[in-house]
């Protein structure tokens, strides 16, 4: 029984880690995309993404679809 619980927890944590890494990759790429389209700097791009995230009540990683 103990091994089944450990295995379940391990699988759940692995799935969560995969989601976090995917979100981080998106967040890392998004400012570059905004910079290429607007000509602004990195901080301006991230500020713009953060502002969109807050005004639309979505996570920064999900702003790309807005």
PDB file of N, CA and C in Angstrom:
ATOM      1  N   UNK A   1       0.830  -1.194   0.000  1.00  0.00           N
ATOM      2  CA  UNK A   1       0.000   0.000   0.000  1.00  0.00           C
ATOM      3  C   UNK A   1       0.869   1.250   0.000  1.00  0.00           C
ATOM      4  N   UNK A   2       1.897   1.267   0.777  1.00  0.00           N
ATOM      5  CA  UNK A   2       2.776   2.424   0.873  1.00  0.00           C
ATOM      6  C   UNK A   2       3.404   2.748  -0.480  1.00  0.00           C
ATOM      7  N   UNK A   3       3.823   1.741  -1.207  1.00  0.00           N
ATOM      8  CA  UNK A   3       4.454   1.957  -2.511  1.00  0.00           C
ATOM      9  C   UNK A   3       3.481   2.569  -3.520  1.00  0.00           C
ATOM     10  N   UNK A   4       2.230   2.184  -3.432  1.00  0.00           N
ATOM     11  CA  UNK A   4       1.220   2.736  -4.333  1.00  0.00           C
ATOM     12  C   UNK A   4       1.034   4.229  -4.076  1.00  0.00           C
ATOM     13  N   UNK A   5       1.041   4.628  -2.816  1.00  0.00           N
ATOM     14  CA  UNK A   5       0.892   6.050  -2.464  1.00  0.00           C
ATOM     15  C   UNK A   5       2.102   6.842  -2.934  1.00  0.00           C
ATOM     16  N   UNK A   6       3.275   6.288  -2.754  1.00  0.00           N
ATOM     17  CA  UNK A   6       4.500   6.961  -3.193  1.00  0.00           C
ATOM     18  C   UNK A   6       4.506   7.100  -4.708  1.00  0.00           C
ATOM     19  N   UNK A   7       4.111   6.062  -5.392  1.00  0.00           N
ATOM     20  CA  UNK A   7       4.067   6.095  -6.855  1.00  0.00           C
ATOM     21  C   UNK A   7       3.067   7.140  -7.345  1.00  0.00           C
ATOM     22  N   UNK A   8       1.884   7.172  -6.736  1.00  0.00           N
ATOM     23  CA  UNK A   8       0.862   8.142  -7.120  1.00  0.00           C
ATOM     24  C   UNK A   8       1.375   9.562  -6.905  1.00  0.00           C
ATOM     25  N   UNK A   9       1.960   9.819  -5.750  1.00  0.00           N
ATOM     26  CA  UNK A   9       2.497  11.150  -5.445  1.00  0.00           C
ATOM     27  C   UNK A   9       3.605  11.521  -6.418  1.00  0.00           C
ATOM     28  N   UNK A  10       4.453  10.593  -6.729  1.00  0.00           N
ATOM     29  CA  UNK A  10       5.546  10.833  -7.668  1.00  0.00           C
ATOM     30  C   UNK A  10       5.015  11.186  -9.063  1.00  0.00           C
ATOM     31  N   UNK A  11       4.020  10.465  -9.512  1.00  0.00           N
ATOM     32  CA  UNK A  11       3.430  10.742 -10.824  1.00  0.00           C
ATOM     33  C   UNK A  11       2.758  12.105 -10.850  1.00  0.00           C
ATOM     34  N   UNK A  12       2.068  12.459  -9.776  1.00  0.00           N
ATOM     35  CA  UNK A  12       1.395  13.749  -9.694  1.00  0.00           C
ATOM     36  C   UNK A  12       2.413  14.882  -9.709  1.00  0.00           C
ATOM     37  N   UNK A  13       3.477  14.742  -8.928  1.00  0.00           N
ATOM     38  CA  UNK A  13       4.515  15.770  -8.885  1.00  0.00           C
ATOM     39  C   UNK A  13       5.239  15.904 -10.220  1.00  0.00           C
ATOM     40  N   UNK A  14       5.449  14.797 -10.898  1.00  0.00           N
ATOM     41  CA  UNK A  14       6.079  14.829 -12.217  1.00  0.00           C
ATOM     42  C   UNK A  14       5.206  15.586 -13.212  1.00  0.00           C
ATOM     43  N   UNK A  15       3.924  15.355 -13.174  1.00  0.00           N
ATOM     44  CA  UNK A  15       2.991  16.060 -14.068  1.00  0.00           C
ATOM     45  C   UNK A  15       2.967  17.550 -13.757  1.00  0.00           C
ATOM     46  N   UNK A  16       2.940  17.895 -12.474  1.00  0.00           N
ATOM     47  CA  UNK A  16       2.943  19.308 -12.081  1.00  0.00           C
ATOM     48  C   UNK A  16       4.233  19.997 -12.509  1.00  0.00           C
ATOM     49  N   UNK A  17       5.355  19.329 -12.355  1.00  0.00           N
ATOM     50  CA  UNK A  17       6.636  19.891 -12.760  1.00  0.00           C
ATOM     51  C   UNK A  17       6.661  20.138 -14.264  1.00  0.00           C
ATOM     52  N   UNK A  18       6.121  19.216 -15.027  1.00  0.00           N
ATOM     53  CA  UNK A  18       6.049  19.399 -16.474  1.00  0.00           C
ATOM     54  C   UNK A  18       5.236  20.633 -16.845  1.00  0.00           C
ATOM     55  N   UNK A  19       4.131  20.861 -16.147  1.00  0.00           N
ATOM     56  CA  UNK A  19       3.301  22.032 -16.406  1.00  0.00           C
ATOM     57  C   UNK A  19       4.044  23.316 -16.046  1.00  0.00           C
ATOM     58  N   UNK A  20       4.747  23.305 -14.942  1.00  0.00           N
ATOM     59  CA  UNK A  20       5.511  24.485 -14.523  1.00  0.00           C
ATOM     60  C   UNK A  20       6.596  24.805 -15.540  1.00  0.00           C
ATOM     61  N   UNK A  21       7.319  23.800 -15.989  1.00  0.00           N
ATOM     62  CA  UNK A  21       8.384  24.032 -16.961  1.00  0.00           C
ATOM     63  C   UNK A  21       7.838  24.559 -18.283  1.00  0.00           C
ATOM     64  N   UNK A  22       6.687  24.066 -18.695  1.00  0.00           N
ATOM     65  CA  UNK A  22       6.055  24.562 -19.914  1.00  0.00           C
ATOM     66  C   UNK A  22       5.666  26.026 -19.750  1.00  0.00           C
ATOM     67  N   UNK A  23       5.073  26.364 -18.609  1.00  0.00           N
ATOM     68  CA  UNK A  23       4.685  27.753 -18.347  1.00  0.00           C
ATOM     69  C   UNK A  23       5.892  28.676 -18.335  1.00  0.00           C
ATOM     70  N   UNK A  24       6.979  28.228 -17.712  1.00  0.00           N
ATOM     71  CA  UNK A  24       8.188  29.054 -17.665  1.00  0.00           C
ATOM     72  C   UNK A  24       8.761  29.294 -19.057  1.00  0.00           C
ATOM     73  N   UNK A  25       8.721  28.277 -19.890  1.00  0.00           N
ATOM     74  CA  UNK A  25       9.220  28.431 -21.260  1.00  0.00           C
ATOM     75  C   UNK A  25       8.397  29.457 -22.016  1.00  0.00           C
ATOM     76  N   UNK A  26       7.088  29.414 -21.840  1.00  0.00           N
ATOM     77  CA  UNK A  26       6.203  30.373 -22.508  1.00  0.00           C
ATOM     78  C   UNK A  26       6.482  31.784 -22.001  1.00  0.00           C
ATOM     79  N   UNK A  27       6.615  31.925 -20.683  1.00  0.00           N
ATOM     80  CA  UNK A  27       6.874  33.235 -20.098  1.00  0.00           C
ATOM     81  C   UNK A  27       8.224  33.771 -20.571  1.00  0.00           C
ATOM     82  N   UNK A  28       9.211  32.910 -20.721  1.00  0.00           N
ATOM     83  CA  UNK A  28      10.527  33.335 -21.207  1.00  0.00           C
ATOM     84  C   UNK A  28      10.476  33.785 -22.665  1.00  0.00           C
ATOM     85  N   UNK A  29       9.650  33.170 -23.474  1.00  0.00           N
ATOM     86  CA  UNK A  29       9.571  33.497 -24.894  1.00  0.00           C
ATOM     87  C   UNK A  29       8.699  34.716 -25.170  1.00  0.00           C
ATOM     88  N   UNK A  30       7.686  34.930 -24.370  1.00  0.00           N
ATOM     89  CA  UNK A  30       6.697  35.967 -24.634  1.00  0.00           C
ATOM     90  C   UNK A  30       7.289  37.376 -24.729  1.00  0.00           C
ATOM     91  N   UNK A  31       8.172  37.803 -23.814  1.00  0.00           N
ATOM     92  CA  UNK A  31       8.718  39.162 -23.952  1.00  0.00           C
ATOM     93  C   UNK A  31       9.470  39.365 -25.275  1.00  0.00           C
ATOM     94  N   UNK A  32      10.161  38.358 -25.738  1.00  0.00           N
ATOM     95  CA  UNK A  32      10.874  38.462 -27.015  1.00  0.00           C
ATOM     96  C   UNK A  32       9.923  38.674 -28.178  1.00  0.00           C
ATOM     97  N   UNK A  33       8.800  38.003 -28.132  1.00  0.00           N
ATOM     98  CA  UNK A  33       7.788  38.162 -29.179  1.00  0.00           C
ATOM     99  C   UNK A  33       7.223  39.575 -29.139  1.00  0.00           C
ATOM    100  N   UNK A  34       6.906  40.051 -27.936  1.00  0.00           N
ATOM    101  CA  UNK A  34       6.364  41.406 -27.793  1.00  0.00           C
ATOM    102  C   UNK A  34       7.400  42.433 -28.246  1.00  0.00           C
ATOM    103  N   UNK A  35       8.649  42.237 -27.875  1.00  0.00           N
ATOM    104  CA  UNK A  35       9.711  43.171 -28.279  1.00  0.00           C
ATOM    105  C   UNK A  35       9.842  43.219 -29.788  1.00  0.00           C
ATOM    106  N   UNK A  36       9.750  42.082 -30.457  1.00  0.00           N
ATOM    107  CA  UNK A  36       9.898  42.064 -31.912  1.00  0.00           C
ATOM    108  C   UNK A  36       8.739  42.763 -32.615  1.00  0.00           C
ATOM    109  N   UNK A  37       7.593  42.758 -31.980  1.00  0.00           N
ATOM    110  CA  UNK A  37       6.412  43.382 -32.590  1.00  0.00           C
ATOM    111  C   UNK A  37       6.274  44.857 -32.246  1.00  0.00           C
ATOM    112  N   UNK A  38       6.794  45.268 -31.086  1.00  0.00           N
ATOM    113  CA  UNK A  38       6.597  46.651 -30.649  1.00  0.00           C
ATOM    114  C   UNK A  38       7.870  47.490 -30.704  1.00  0.00           C
ATOM    115  N   UNK A  39       9.032  46.823 -30.755  1.00  0.00           N
ATOM    116  CA  UNK A  39      10.291  47.549 -30.784  1.00  0.00           C
ATOM    117  C   UNK A  39      10.753  48.049 -29.428  1.00  0.00           C
ATOM    118  N   UNK A  40      10.042  47.720 -28.368  1.00  0.00           N
ATOM    119  CA  UNK A  40      10.424  48.153 -27.031  1.00  0.00           C
ATOM    120  C   UNK A  40      11.483  47.250 -26.428  1.00  0.00           C
ATOM    121  N   UNK A  41      11.864  47.561 -25.199  1.00  0.00           N
ATOM    122  CA  UNK A  41      12.860  46.773 -24.482  1.00  0.00           C
ATOM    123  C   UNK A  41      12.238  45.625 -23.712  1.00  0.00           C
ATOM    124  N   UNK A  42      13.100  44.850 -23.074  1.00  0.00           N
ATOM    125  CA  UNK A  42      12.650  43.665 -22.347  1.00  0.00           C
ATOM    126  C   UNK A  42      11.730  44.025 -21.183  1.00  0.00           C
ATOM    127  N   UNK A  43      12.091  45.040 -20.413  1.00  0.00           N
ATOM    128  CA  UNK A  43      11.260  45.418 -19.268  1.00  0.00           C
ATOM    129  C   UNK A  43       9.908  45.945 -19.726  1.00  0.00           C
ATOM    130  N   UNK A  44       9.898  46.726 -20.791  1.00  0.00           N
ATOM    131  CA  UNK A  44       8.633  47.240 -21.335  1.00  0.00           C
ATOM    132  C   UNK A  44       7.745  46.096 -21.812  1.00  0.00           C
ATOM    133  N   UNK A  45       8.350  45.116 -22.438  1.00  0.00           N
ATOM    134  CA  UNK A  45       7.587  43.966 -22.936  1.00  0.00           C
ATOM    135  C   UNK A  45       6.974  43.190 -21.781  1.00  0.00           C
ATOM    136  N   UNK A  46       7.762  42.938 -20.739  1.00  0.00           N
ATOM    137  CA  UNK A  46       7.229  42.194 -19.605  1.00  0.00           C
ATOM    138  C   UNK A  46       6.159  43.005 -18.886  1.00  0.00           C
ATOM    139  N   UNK A  47       6.377  44.330 -18.756  1.00  0.00           N
ATOM    140  CA  UNK A  47       5.364  45.185 -18.134  1.00  0.00           C
ATOM    141  C   UNK A  47       4.053  45.124 -18.914  1.00  0.00           C
ATOM    142  N   UNK A  48       4.162  45.108 -20.225  1.00  0.00           N
ATOM    143  CA  UNK A  48       2.971  45.032 -21.081  1.00  0.00           C
ATOM    144  C   UNK A  48       2.245  43.695 -20.878  1.00  0.00           C
ATOM    145  N   UNK A  49       3.011  42.612 -20.838  1.00  0.00           N
ATOM    146  CA  UNK A  49       2.415  41.295 -20.600  1.00  0.00           C
ATOM    147  C   UNK A  49       1.756  41.226 -19.230  1.00  0.00           C
ATOM    148  N   UNK A  50       2.430  41.747 -18.222  1.00  0.00           N
ATOM    149  CA  UNK A  50       1.878  41.734 -16.869  1.00  0.00           C
ATOM    150  C   UNK A  50       0.589  42.554 -16.812  1.00  0.00           C
ATOM    151  N   UNK A  51       0.592  43.712 -17.455  1.00  0.00           N
ATOM    152  CA  UNK A  51      -0.601  44.560 -17.485  1.00  0.00           C
ATOM    153  C   UNK A  51      -1.771  43.840 -18.155  1.00  0.00           C
ATOM    154  N   UNK A  52      -1.502  43.189 -19.286  1.00  0.00           N
ATOM    155  CA  UNK A  52      -2.549  42.430 -19.976  1.00  0.00           C
ATOM    156  C   UNK A  52      -3.055  41.298 -19.088  1.00  0.00           C
ATOM    157  N   UNK A  53      -2.142  40.642 -18.407  1.00  0.00           N
ATOM    158  CA  UNK A  53      -2.496  39.537 -17.529  1.00  0.00           C
ATOM    159  C   UNK A  53      -3.443  40.008 -16.435  1.00  0.00           C
ATOM    160  N   UNK A  54      -3.099  41.126 -15.826  1.00  0.00           N
ATOM    161  CA  UNK A  54      -3.915  41.639 -14.728  1.00  0.00           C
ATOM    162  C   UNK A  54      -5.265  42.158 -15.211  1.00  0.00           C
ATOM    163  N   UNK A  55      -5.281  42.860 -16.332  1.00  0.00           N
ATOM    164  CA  UNK A  55      -6.545  43.436 -16.799  1.00  0.00           C
ATOM    165  C   UNK A  55      -7.506  42.377 -17.321  1.00  0.00           C
ATOM    166  N   UNK A  56      -6.966  41.265 -17.826  1.00  0.00           N
ATOM    167  CA  UNK A  56      -7.814  40.203 -18.367  1.00  0.00           C
ATOM    168  C   UNK A  56      -7.992  39.037 -17.399  1.00  0.00           C
ATOM    169  N   UNK A  57      -7.383  39.167 -16.207  1.00  0.00           N
ATOM    170  CA  UNK A  57      -7.509  38.168 -15.157  1.00  0.00           C
ATOM    171  C   UNK A  57      -7.079  36.773 -15.637  1.00  0.00           C
ATOM    172  N   UNK A  58      -5.939  36.735 -16.307  1.00  0.00           N
ATOM    173  CA  UNK A  58      -5.351  35.466 -16.743  1.00  0.00           C
ATOM    174  C   UNK A  58      -3.887  35.438 -16.338  1.00  0.00           C
ATOM    175  N   UNK A  59      -3.324  34.264 -16.267  1.00  0.00           N
ATOM    176  CA  UNK A  59      -1.913  34.127 -15.925  1.00  0.00           C
ATOM    177  C   UNK A  59      -1.061  34.660 -17.078  1.00  0.00           C
ATOM    178  N   UNK A  60       0.129  35.148 -16.735  1.00  0.00           N
ATOM    179  CA  UNK A  60       1.034  35.690 -17.759  1.00  0.00           C
ATOM    180  C   UNK A  60       1.271  34.653 -18.847  1.00  0.00           C
ATOM    181  N   UNK A  61       1.419  33.397 -18.478  1.00  0.00           N
ATOM    182  CA  UNK A  61       1.662  32.348 -19.469  1.00  0.00           C
ATOM    183  C   UNK A  61       0.491  32.170 -20.420  1.00  0.00           C
ATOM    184  N   UNK A  62      -0.708  32.604 -20.016  1.00  0.00           N
ATOM    185  CA  UNK A  62      -1.889  32.458 -20.861  1.00  0.00           C
ATOM    186  C   UNK A  62      -2.193  33.700 -21.694  1.00  0.00           C
ATOM    187  N   UNK A  63      -1.481  34.794 -21.466  1.00  0.00           N
ATOM    188  CA  UNK A  63      -1.710  36.034 -22.199  1.00  0.00           C
ATOM    189  C   UNK A  63      -1.443  35.844 -23.673  1.00  0.00           C
ATOM    190  N   UNK A  64      -0.543  34.963 -24.034  1.00  0.00           N
ATOM    191  CA  UNK A  64      -0.185  34.752 -25.435  1.00  0.00           C
ATOM    192  C   UNK A  64      -1.380  34.424 -26.296  1.00  0.00           C
ATOM    193  N   UNK A  65      -2.410  33.848 -25.703  1.00  0.00           N
ATOM    194  CA  UNK A  65      -3.606  33.497 -26.468  1.00  0.00           C
ATOM    195  C   UNK A  65      -4.629  34.618 -26.557  1.00  0.00           C
ATOM    196  N   UNK A  66      -4.357  35.721 -25.884  1.00  0.00           N
ATOM    197  CA  UNK A  66      -5.319  36.835 -25.847  1.00  0.00           C
ATOM    198  C   UNK A  66      -5.166  37.761 -27.029  1.00  0.00           C
TER     199      UNK A  66
END
